Amino acid sequence: MKFGYMNNPYLDVFSEIDVAKNAGLDFLELTIEWPMATADYILQEKEKLRSRLEEAGLEVVTHAPWYIEIGHPYARVRKAAIEELRKVVDASAEVESELLTVHPHTPRWVHGKEFKSQIVEANIESLAELTDYASERGVVVAIENVDHGFFKSVKSLVDITNRIPKLMFTLDVGHACIQGSDMEKLRSYVSNLYHKLVHLHIHDNLRDGSDLHLAVGAGEIDWRAVYRELAEIGYDERACIEVHVGDIEWGLKISLEAIRFFWK
């Protein structure tokens, strides 16, 4: 399995490439976000970025801004969101990323289950358009499980991927295990979406509902059980270590050691 690191968009992209290189990782997951890694900036620096990634021996995949409002009920707002994501796709293609991960979107100010179907349909419309646009440029789009809002259930992602055949799946292990003491939800994601699974995000938490993005092994997730589920389907692709800690070099080192221990 190949392991990577997601850059912090508040830091210089080139220094983040060095972080991934110095940690001995295989790829950078370039999150194309404001303020320091916008699509416009990536397009402007594309040649330099490709060169630096090659020098560092790093492959690259990309991640869209998690807050882009592709599920907004106002069509003109949604149109603007898609236009921004088209630029993210263009930037992904220019740095030779073949995979772009996107979050579904629940407007946090929408209340009431009676409006869920409208928001879900808005997401599907946006994702279908984006997936077609990306496919024409050699980029695969994968939807990530966020496990909140109108996308708390495994079924919600199964339904979306069934509606959009080209849309693939990024399994965020931390999100899948954020609540409860067993592995039932993660197991359900794997069993229902194994044929769509192309990427992993790995980070730890206390399984109390808080999305802490701890170093692997610093929380309560049963990583041996995670490995067993992935081994069952023969998954051996990419896993991005998505930890949010003050000392990122330490966080990556500890996480890699833990994963190699639990997954040996």
C-alpha atoms as a PDB file:
ATOM      1  CA  MET A   1       0.000   0.000   0.000  1.00  0.00           C
ATOM      2  CA  LYS A   2       1.163   3.527  -0.776  1.00  0.00           C
ATOM      3  CA  PHE A   3       0.997   6.157   1.976  1.00  0.00           C
ATOM      4  CA  GLY A   4       0.679   9.897   1.572  1.00  0.00           C
ATOM      5  CA  TYR A   5       0.104  13.235   3.272  1.00  0.00           C
ATOM      6  CA  MET A   6      -2.510  15.945   2.725  1.00  0.00           C
ATOM      7  CA  ASN A   7      -1.042  19.437   2.638  1.00  0.00           C
ATOM      8  CA  ASN A   8      -2.275  22.184   4.937  1.00  0.00           C
ATOM      9  CA  PRO A   9      -3.742  24.845   2.598  1.00  0.00           C
ATOM     10  CA  TYR A  10      -2.714  27.570   5.056  1.00  0.00           C
ATOM     11  CA  LEU A  11       0.952  26.729   4.421  1.00  0.00           C
ATOM     12  CA  ASP A  12       3.205  27.057   1.393  1.00  0.00           C
ATOM     13  CA  VAL A  13       2.557  24.170  -1.011  1.00  0.00           C
ATOM     14  CA  PHE A  14       6.233  23.657  -1.805  1.00  0.00           C
ATOM     15  CA  SER A  15       7.191  23.375   1.862  1.00  0.00           C
ATOM     16  CA  GLU A  16       4.409  20.806   2.243  1.00  0.00           C
ATOM     17  CA  ILE A  17       5.931  18.763  -0.567  1.00  0.00           C
ATOM     18  CA  ASP A  18       9.110  18.699   1.515  1.00  0.00           C
ATOM     19  CA  VAL A  19       7.133  17.443   4.528  1.00  0.00           C
ATOM     20  CA  ALA A  20       5.841  14.474   2.532  1.00  0.00           C
ATOM     21  CA  LYS A  21       9.264  13.781   1.055  1.00  0.00           C
ATOM     22  CA  ASN A  22      11.075  13.962   4.406  1.00  0.00           C
ATOM     23  CA  ALA A  23       8.529  11.594   5.949  1.00  0.00           C
ATOM     24  CA  GLY A  24       9.395   8.977   3.320  1.00  0.00           C
ATOM     25  CA  LEU A  25       5.888   8.947   1.871  1.00  0.00           C
ATOM     26  CA  ASP A  26       4.771   7.896  -1.594  1.00  0.00           C
ATOM     27  CA  PHE A  27       2.395  10.680  -2.576  1.00  0.00           C
ATOM     28  CA  LEU A  28       1.013  14.095  -1.776  1.00  0.00           C
ATOM     29  CA  GLU A  29      -2.732  14.566  -1.551  1.00  0.00           C
ATOM     30  CA  LEU A  30      -2.936  18.137  -2.780  1.00  0.00           C
ATOM     31  CA  THR A  31      -5.975  19.805  -1.286  1.00  0.00           C
ATOM     32  CA  ILE A  32      -6.700  22.643  -3.680  1.00  0.00           C
ATOM     33  CA  GLU A  33      -8.034  25.227  -1.243  1.00  0.00           C
ATOM     34  CA  TRP A  34      -7.920  28.863  -0.242  1.00  0.00           C
ATOM     35  CA  PRO A  35      -5.775  30.612   0.911  1.00  0.00           C
ATOM     36  CA  MET A  36      -2.373  29.184  -0.143  1.00  0.00           C
ATOM     37  CA  ALA A  37      -3.348  26.407  -2.559  1.00  0.00           C
ATOM     38  CA  THR A  38      -6.199  27.771  -4.672  1.00  0.00           C
ATOM     39  CA  ALA A  39      -6.891  26.380  -8.128  1.00  0.00           C
ATOM     40  CA  ASP A  40      -5.699  29.648  -9.652  1.00  0.00           C
ATOM     41  CA  TYR A  41      -2.393  29.371  -7.781  1.00  0.00           C
ATOM     42  CA  ILE A  42      -1.919  25.703  -8.692  1.00  0.00           C
ATOM     43  CA  LEU A  43      -2.569  26.498 -12.367  1.00  0.00           C
ATOM     44  CA  GLN A  44      -0.114  29.393 -12.196  1.00  0.00           C
ATOM     45  CA  GLU A  45       2.614  27.227 -10.629  1.00  0.00           C
ATOM     46  CA  LYS A  46       1.784  23.960 -12.402  1.00  0.00           C
ATOM     47  CA  GLU A  47       5.143  23.453 -14.096  1.00  0.00           C
ATOM     48  CA  LYS A  48       7.121  24.186 -10.964  1.00  0.00           C
ATOM     49  CA  LEU A  49       4.815  21.911  -8.936  1.00  0.00           C
ATOM     50  CA  ARG A  50       5.180  19.018 -11.374  1.00  0.00           C
ATOM     51  CA  SER A  51       8.947  19.445 -11.294  1.00  0.00           C
ATOM     52  CA  ARG A  52       9.152  19.577  -7.490  1.00  0.00           C
ATOM     53  CA  LEU A  53       6.895  16.546  -7.086  1.00  0.00           C
ATOM     54  CA  GLU A  54       9.037  14.584  -9.541  1.00  0.00           C
ATOM     55  CA  GLU A  55      12.232  15.634  -7.761  1.00  0.00           C
ATOM     56  CA  ALA A  56      10.699  14.526  -4.451  1.00  0.00           C
ATOM     57  CA  GLY A  57       9.685  11.164  -5.918  1.00  0.00           C
ATOM     58  CA  LEU A  58       6.046  11.795  -5.063  1.00  0.00           C
ATOM     59  CA  GLU A  59       2.907  10.856  -6.920  1.00  0.00           C
ATOM     60  CA  VAL A  60      -0.041  13.217  -6.536  1.00  0.00           C
ATOM     61  CA  VAL A  61      -3.783  12.944  -6.023  1.00  0.00           C
ATOM     62  CA  THR A  62      -6.062  15.897  -5.296  1.00  0.00           C
ATOM     63  CA  HIS A  63      -8.847  16.959  -2.954  1.00  0.00           C
ATOM     64  CA  ALA A  64     -11.509  19.597  -3.522  1.00  0.00           C
ATOM     65  CA  PRO A  65     -12.405  22.218  -0.896  1.00  0.00           C
ATOM     66  CA  TRP A  66     -14.625  20.399   1.599  1.00  0.00           C
ATOM     67  CA  TYR A  67     -16.913  23.420   2.035  1.00  0.00           C
ATOM     68  CA  ILE A  68     -17.894  24.046  -1.627  1.00  0.00           C
ATOM     69  CA  GLU A  69     -21.703  24.249  -1.712  1.00  0.00           C
ATOM     70  CA  ILE A  70     -22.615  21.690  -4.371  1.00  0.00           C
ATOM     71  CA  GLY A  71     -25.840  20.902  -2.487  1.00  0.00           C
ATOM     72  CA  HIS A  72     -27.059  24.493  -2.160  1.00  0.00           C
ATOM     73  CA  PRO A  73     -30.791  24.788  -2.923  1.00  0.00           C
ATOM     74  CA  TYR A  74     -30.267  27.979  -4.961  1.00  0.00           C
ATOM     75  CA  ALA A  75     -29.320  26.995  -8.514  1.00  0.00           C
ATOM     76  CA  ARG A  76     -27.169  30.064  -9.176  1.00  0.00           C
ATOM     77  CA  VAL A  77     -25.124  29.471  -6.041  1.00  0.00           C
ATOM     78  CA  ARG A  78     -24.699  25.840  -7.034  1.00  0.00           C
ATOM     79  CA  LYS A  79     -23.640  26.900 -10.544  1.00  0.00           C
ATOM     80  CA  ALA A  80     -20.900  29.095  -9.059  1.00  0.00           C
ATOM     81  CA  ALA A  81     -19.736  26.171  -6.877  1.00  0.00           C
ATOM     82  CA  ILE A  82     -19.471  23.915  -9.921  1.00  0.00           C
ATOM     83  CA  GLU A  83     -17.525  26.577 -11.821  1.00  0.00           C
ATOM     84  CA  GLU A  84     -15.005  26.672  -8.970  1.00  0.00           C
ATOM     85  CA  LEU A  85     -14.774  22.884  -8.952  1.00  0.00           C
ATOM     86  CA  ARG A  86     -14.187  22.835 -12.707  1.00  0.00           C
ATOM     87  CA  LYS A  87     -11.063  24.900 -12.024  1.00  0.00           C
ATOM     88  CA  VAL A  88     -10.070  22.362  -9.363  1.00  0.00           C
ATOM     89  CA  VAL A  89     -10.430  19.603 -11.971  1.00  0.00           C
ATOM     90  CA  ASP A  90      -8.339  21.617 -14.434  1.00  0.00           C
ATOM     91  CA  ALA A  91      -5.648  22.123 -11.785  1.00  0.00           C
ATOM     92  CA  SER A  92      -5.758  18.401 -10.949  1.00  0.00           C
ATOM     93  CA  ALA A  93      -5.231  17.464 -14.580  1.00  0.00           C
ATOM     94  CA  GLU A  94      -2.354  19.929 -14.955  1.00  0.00           C
ATOM     95  CA  VAL A  95      -0.418  18.451 -12.023  1.00  0.00           C
ATOM     96  CA  GLU A  96      -1.169  14.957 -13.387  1.00  0.00           C
ATOM     97  CA  SER A  97      -3.511  13.825 -10.653  1.00  0.00           C
ATOM     98  CA  GLU A  98      -5.753  11.012 -11.808  1.00  0.00           C
ATOM     99  CA  LEU A  99      -7.995  11.150  -8.723  1.00  0.00           C
ATOM    100  CA  LEU A 100      -9.977  13.984  -7.122  1.00  0.00           C
ATOM    101  CA  THR A 101     -11.874  13.472  -3.848  1.00  0.00           C
ATOM    102  CA  VAL A 102     -14.986  15.584  -3.219  1.00  0.00           C
ATOM    103  CA  HIS A 103     -17.267  15.944  -0.185  1.00  0.00           C
ATOM    104  CA  PRO A 104     -21.054  15.879  -0.449  1.00  0.00           C
ATOM    105  CA  HIS A 105     -22.645  19.020   0.957  1.00  0.00           C
ATOM    106  CA  THR A 106     -25.380  19.576   3.524  1.00  0.00           C
ATOM    107  CA  PRO A 107     -26.234  23.272   4.061  1.00  0.00           C
ATOM    108  CA  ARG A 108     -26.041  23.483   7.849  1.00  0.00           C
ATOM    109  CA  TRP A 109     -28.884  25.987   7.966  1.00  0.00           C
ATOM    110  CA  VAL A 110     -31.350  23.562   6.345  1.00  0.00           C
ATOM    111  CA  HIS A 111     -33.518  21.888   8.988  1.00  0.00           C
ATOM    112  CA  GLY A 112     -36.156  19.227   8.552  1.00  0.00           C
ATOM    113  CA  LYS A 113     -35.998  15.809   6.980  1.00  0.00           C
ATOM    114  CA  GLU A 114     -38.691  16.824   4.498  1.00  0.00           C
ATOM    115  CA  PHE A 115     -36.055  18.885   2.647  1.00  0.00           C
ATOM    116  CA  LYS A 116     -33.465  16.117   2.514  1.00  0.00           C
ATOM    117  CA  SER A 117     -34.472  14.822  -0.919  1.00  0.00           C
ATOM    118  CA  GLN A 118     -34.049  18.290  -2.465  1.00  0.00           C
ATOM    119  CA  ILE A 119     -30.543  18.657  -1.052  1.00  0.00           C
ATOM    120  CA  VAL A 120     -29.543  15.140  -2.080  1.00  0.00           C
ATOM    121  CA  GLU A 121     -30.819  15.729  -5.630  1.00  0.00           C
ATOM    122  CA  ALA A 122     -28.848  18.984  -5.802  1.00  0.00           C
ATOM    123  CA  ASN A 123     -25.700  17.079  -4.796  1.00  0.00           C
ATOM    124  CA  ILE A 124     -26.339  14.396  -7.400  1.00  0.00           C
ATOM    125  CA  GLU A 125     -26.886  16.966 -10.138  1.00  0.00           C
ATOM    126  CA  SER A 126     -23.624  18.718  -9.238  1.00  0.00           C
ATOM    127  CA  LEU A 127     -21.590  15.529  -8.863  1.00  0.00           C
ATOM    128  CA  ALA A 128     -22.856  14.099 -12.155  1.00  0.00           C
ATOM    129  CA  GLU A 129     -21.845  17.269 -13.997  1.00  0.00           C
ATOM    130  CA  LEU A 130     -18.453  17.384 -12.275  1.00  0.00           C
ATOM    131  CA  THR A 131     -17.747  13.697 -12.873  1.00  0.00           C
ATOM    132  CA  ASP A 132     -18.460  14.037 -16.597  1.00  0.00           C
ATOM    133  CA  TYR A 133     -16.254  17.126 -16.843  1.00  0.00           C
ATOM    134  CA  ALA A 134     -13.420  15.395 -14.971  1.00  0.00           C
ATOM    135  CA  SER A 135     -13.717  12.185 -16.987  1.00  0.00           C
ATOM    136  CA  GLU A 136     -13.117  14.138 -20.195  1.00  0.00           C
ATOM    137  CA  ARG A 137      -9.827  15.341 -18.669  1.00  0.00           C
ATOM    138  CA  GLY A 138      -8.612  11.986 -17.389  1.00  0.00           C
ATOM    139  CA  VAL A 139      -9.524  12.629 -13.743  1.00  0.00           C
ATOM    140  CA  VAL A 140     -11.605  10.207 -11.656  1.00  0.00           C
ATOM    141  CA  VAL A 141     -13.895  11.800  -9.062  1.00  0.00           C
ATOM    142  CA  ALA A 142     -14.463   9.991  -5.744  1.00  0.00           C
ATOM    143  CA  ILE A 143     -17.012  10.943  -3.100  1.00  0.00           C
ATOM    144  CA  GLU A 144     -15.864  10.847   0.530  1.00  0.00           C
ATOM    145  CA  ASN A 145     -18.011   9.701   3.445  1.00  0.00           C
ATOM    146  CA  VAL A 146     -18.530  12.684   5.755  1.00  0.00           C
ATOM    147  CA  ASP A 147     -20.936  10.976   8.185  1.00  0.00           C
ATOM    148  CA  HIS A 148     -22.879  14.081   9.124  1.00  0.00           C
ATOM    149  CA  GLY A 149     -25.872  16.084   7.935  1.00  0.00           C
ATOM    150  CA  PHE A 150     -27.947  14.384   5.253  1.00  0.00           C
ATOM    151  CA  PHE A 151     -25.048  12.018   4.547  1.00  0.00           C
ATOM    152  CA  LYS A 152     -24.769  10.198   7.857  1.00  0.00           C
ATOM    153  CA  SER A 153     -25.724   6.810   6.471  1.00  0.00           C
ATOM    154  CA  VAL A 154     -23.919   4.319   4.283  1.00  0.00           C
ATOM    155  CA  LYS A 155     -27.076   4.105   2.177  1.00  0.00           C
ATOM    156  CA  SER A 156     -26.846   7.790   1.278  1.00  0.00           C
ATOM    157  CA  LEU A 157     -23.511   7.232  -0.480  1.00  0.00           C
ATOM    158  CA  VAL A 158     -24.577   3.933  -2.007  1.00  0.00           C
ATOM    159  CA  ASP A 159     -27.596   5.662  -3.549  1.00  0.00           C
ATOM    160  CA  ILE A 160     -25.467   8.485  -4.982  1.00  0.00           C
ATOM    161  CA  THR A 161     -22.823   6.197  -6.494  1.00  0.00           C
ATOM    162  CA  ASN A 162     -25.564   4.004  -7.979  1.00  0.00           C
ATOM    163  CA  ARG A 163     -26.990   7.071  -9.700  1.00  0.00           C
ATOM    164  CA  ILE A 164     -23.584   8.179 -11.048  1.00  0.00           C
ATOM    165  CA  PRO A 165     -21.761   5.123 -12.435  1.00  0.00           C
ATOM    166  CA  LYS A 166     -18.410   6.915 -12.959  1.00  0.00           C
ATOM    167  CA  LEU A 167     -18.337   8.284  -9.403  1.00  0.00           C
ATOM    168  CA  MET A 168     -15.953   6.337  -7.154  1.00  0.00           C
ATOM    169  CA  PHE A 169     -15.472   6.203  -3.374  1.00  0.00           C
ATOM    170  CA  THR A 170     -12.892   7.514  -0.901  1.00  0.00           C
ATOM    171  CA  LEU A 171     -13.270   5.817   2.479  1.00  0.00           C
ATOM    172  CA  ASP A 172     -12.419   8.106   5.382  1.00  0.00           C
ATOM    173  CA  VAL A 173     -11.762   5.601   8.157  1.00  0.00           C
ATOM    174  CA  GLY A 174     -11.834   8.232  10.899  1.00  0.00           C
ATOM    175  CA  HIS A 175     -15.249   9.499   9.793  1.00  0.00           C
ATOM    176  CA  ALA A 176     -16.645   5.971   9.471  1.00  0.00           C
ATOM    177  CA  CYS A 177     -15.544   5.151  13.023  1.00  0.00           C
ATOM    178  CA  ILE A 178     -16.382   8.474  14.659  1.00  0.00           C
ATOM    179  CA  GLN A 179     -19.340   7.199  16.665  1.00  0.00           C
ATOM    180  CA  GLY A 180     -19.854   4.000  18.646  1.00  0.00           C
ATOM    181  CA  SER A 181     -17.729   1.146  19.859  1.00  0.00           C
ATOM    182  CA  ASP A 182     -17.909  -1.431  17.058  1.00  0.00           C
ATOM    183  CA  MET A 183     -16.901  -1.608  13.396  1.00  0.00           C
ATOM    184  CA  GLU A 184     -20.381  -2.100  11.956  1.00  0.00           C
ATOM    185  CA  LYS A 185     -20.492   1.109   9.931  1.00  0.00           C
ATOM    186  CA  LEU A 186     -17.023   0.742   8.453  1.00  0.00           C
ATOM    187  CA  ARG A 187     -17.808  -2.864   7.630  1.00  0.00           C
ATOM    188  CA  SER A 188     -20.968  -1.712   5.850  1.00  0.00           C
ATOM    189  CA  TYR A 189     -19.079   0.858   3.787  1.00  0.00           C
ATOM    190  CA  VAL A 190     -16.579  -1.774   2.711  1.00  0.00           C
ATOM    191  CA  SER A 191     -19.144  -4.458   1.917  1.00  0.00           C
ATOM    192  CA  ASN A 192     -21.450  -2.117  -0.006  1.00  0.00           C
ATOM    193  CA  LEU A 193     -18.902   0.036  -1.818  1.00  0.00           C
ATOM    194  CA  TYR A 194     -15.827  -2.205  -2.216  1.00  0.00           C
ATOM    195  CA  HIS A 195     -16.243  -2.129  -6.016  1.00  0.00           C
ATOM    196  CA  LYS A 196     -16.032   1.687  -5.935  1.00  0.00           C
ATOM    197  CA  LEU A 197     -13.236   2.032  -3.363  1.00  0.00           C
ATOM    198  CA  VAL A 198     -10.152   3.772  -4.790  1.00  0.00           C
ATOM    199  CA  HIS A 199      -8.661   5.729  -1.895  1.00  0.00           C
ATOM    200  CA  LEU A 200      -8.393   5.914   1.916  1.00  0.00           C
ATOM    201  CA  HIS A 201      -8.054   8.677   4.494  1.00  0.00           C
ATOM    202  CA  ILE A 202      -6.694   7.468   7.827  1.00  0.00           C
ATOM    203  CA  HIS A 203      -6.684   9.301  11.156  1.00  0.00           C
ATOM    204  CA  ASP A 204      -7.779   8.473  14.695  1.00  0.00           C
ATOM    205  CA  ASN A 205     -10.391   9.748  17.151  1.00  0.00           C
ATOM    206  CA  LEU A 206     -12.019   8.856  20.465  1.00  0.00           C
ATOM    207  CA  ARG A 207     -15.193   7.483  18.834  1.00  0.00           C
ATOM    208  CA  ASP A 208     -17.277  10.002  20.770  1.00  0.00           C
ATOM    209  CA  GLY A 209     -18.530  12.021  17.799  1.00  0.00           C
ATOM    210  CA  SER A 210     -15.562  14.420  17.656  1.00  0.00           C
ATOM    211  CA  ASP A 211     -13.643  14.537  14.363  1.00  0.00           C
ATOM    212  CA  LEU A 212     -10.235  14.999  15.988  1.00  0.00           C
ATOM    213  CA  HIS A 213      -7.868  13.772  13.243  1.00  0.00           C
ATOM    214  CA  LEU A 214      -5.448  12.346  15.798  1.00  0.00           C
ATOM    215  CA  ALA A 215      -2.305  10.440  14.907  1.00  0.00           C
ATOM    216  CA  VAL A 216      -3.032   6.795  14.169  1.00  0.00           C
ATOM    217  CA  GLY A 217      -2.892   4.822  17.419  1.00  0.00           C
ATOM    218  CA  ALA A 218      -3.563   7.869  19.594  1.00  0.00           C
ATOM    219  CA  GLY A 219      -7.315   7.227  19.720  1.00  0.00           C
ATOM    220  CA  GLU A 220      -9.783   4.382  20.057  1.00  0.00           C
ATOM    221  CA  ILE A 221     -10.146   3.017  16.513  1.00  0.00           C
ATOM    222  CA  ASP A 222      -9.422  -0.699  16.207  1.00  0.00           C
ATOM    223  CA  TRP A 223      -6.872  -0.572  13.402  1.00  0.00           C
ATOM    224  CA  ARG A 224      -6.380  -4.322  13.307  1.00  0.00           C
ATOM    225  CA  ALA A 225     -10.102  -4.684  12.595  1.00  0.00           C
ATOM    226  CA  VAL A 226      -9.832  -2.011   9.883  1.00  0.00           C
ATOM    227  CA  TYR A 227      -7.007  -3.980   8.283  1.00  0.00           C
ATOM    228  CA  ARG A 228      -9.026  -7.196   8.356  1.00  0.00           C
ATOM    229  CA  GLU A 229     -11.925  -5.515   6.532  1.00  0.00           C
ATOM    230  CA  LEU A 230      -9.632  -4.095   3.850  1.00  0.00           C
ATOM    231  CA  ALA A 231      -7.691  -7.341   3.488  1.00  0.00           C
ATOM    232  CA  GLU A 232     -10.967  -9.169   2.949  1.00  0.00           C
ATOM    233  CA  ILE A 233     -11.536  -7.232  -0.289  1.00  0.00           C
ATOM    234  CA  GLY A 234      -7.848  -7.170  -1.260  1.00  0.00           C
ATOM    235  CA  TYR A 235      -7.518  -3.398  -1.008  1.00  0.00           C
ATOM    236  CA  ASP A 236      -3.880  -2.403  -1.532  1.00  0.00           C
ATOM    237  CA  GLU A 237      -3.987   1.036  -3.150  1.00  0.00           C
ATOM    238  CA  ARG A 238      -3.411   4.447  -1.509  1.00  0.00           C
ATOM    239  CA  ALA A 239      -3.945   5.651   2.058  1.00  0.00           C
ATOM    240  CA  CYS A 240      -3.552   9.312   2.988  1.00  0.00           C
ATOM    241  CA  ILE A 241      -2.525  10.036   6.574  1.00  0.00           C
ATOM    242  CA  GLU A 242      -4.781  12.994   7.394  1.00  0.00           C
ATOM    243  CA  VAL A 243      -3.695  13.997  10.882  1.00  0.00           C
ATOM    244  CA  HIS A 244      -4.179  17.492  12.312  1.00  0.00           C
ATOM    245  CA  VAL A 245      -1.505  17.898  14.953  1.00  0.00           C
ATOM    246  CA  GLY A 246       0.863  20.718  15.871  1.00  0.00           C
ATOM    247  CA  ASP A 247       4.018  18.754  15.083  1.00  0.00           C
ATOM    248  CA  ILE A 248       3.161  17.223  11.736  1.00  0.00           C
ATOM    249  CA  GLU A 249       6.509  15.438  11.344  1.00  0.00           C
ATOM    250  CA  TRP A 250       5.833  13.650  14.639  1.00  0.00           C
ATOM    251  CA  GLY A 251       2.233  12.910  13.652  1.00  0.00           C
ATOM    252  CA  LEU A 252       3.262  11.320  10.374  1.00  0.00           C
ATOM    253  CA  LYS A 253       6.083   9.330  11.964  1.00  0.00           C
ATOM    254  CA  ILE A 254       3.888   7.964  14.757  1.00  0.00           C
ATOM    255  CA  SER A 255       1.052   7.190  12.356  1.00  0.00           C
ATOM    256  CA  LEU A 256       3.282   5.299   9.944  1.00  0.00           C
ATOM    257  CA  GLU A 257       4.826   3.287  12.767  1.00  0.00           C
ATOM    258  CA  ALA A 258       1.388   2.446  14.139  1.00  0.00           C
ATOM    259  CA  ILE A 259      -0.050   1.454  10.763  1.00  0.00           C
ATOM    260  CA  ARG A 260       2.906  -0.749   9.948  1.00  0.00           C
ATOM    261  CA  PHE A 261       2.570  -2.376  13.368  1.00  0.00           C
ATOM    262  CA  PHE A 262      -1.185  -2.942  13.174  1.00  0.00           C
ATOM    263  CA  TRP A 263      -1.169  -3.873   9.479  1.00  0.00           C
ATOM    264  CA  LYS A 264       1.980  -6.006   9.345  1.00  0.00           C
END
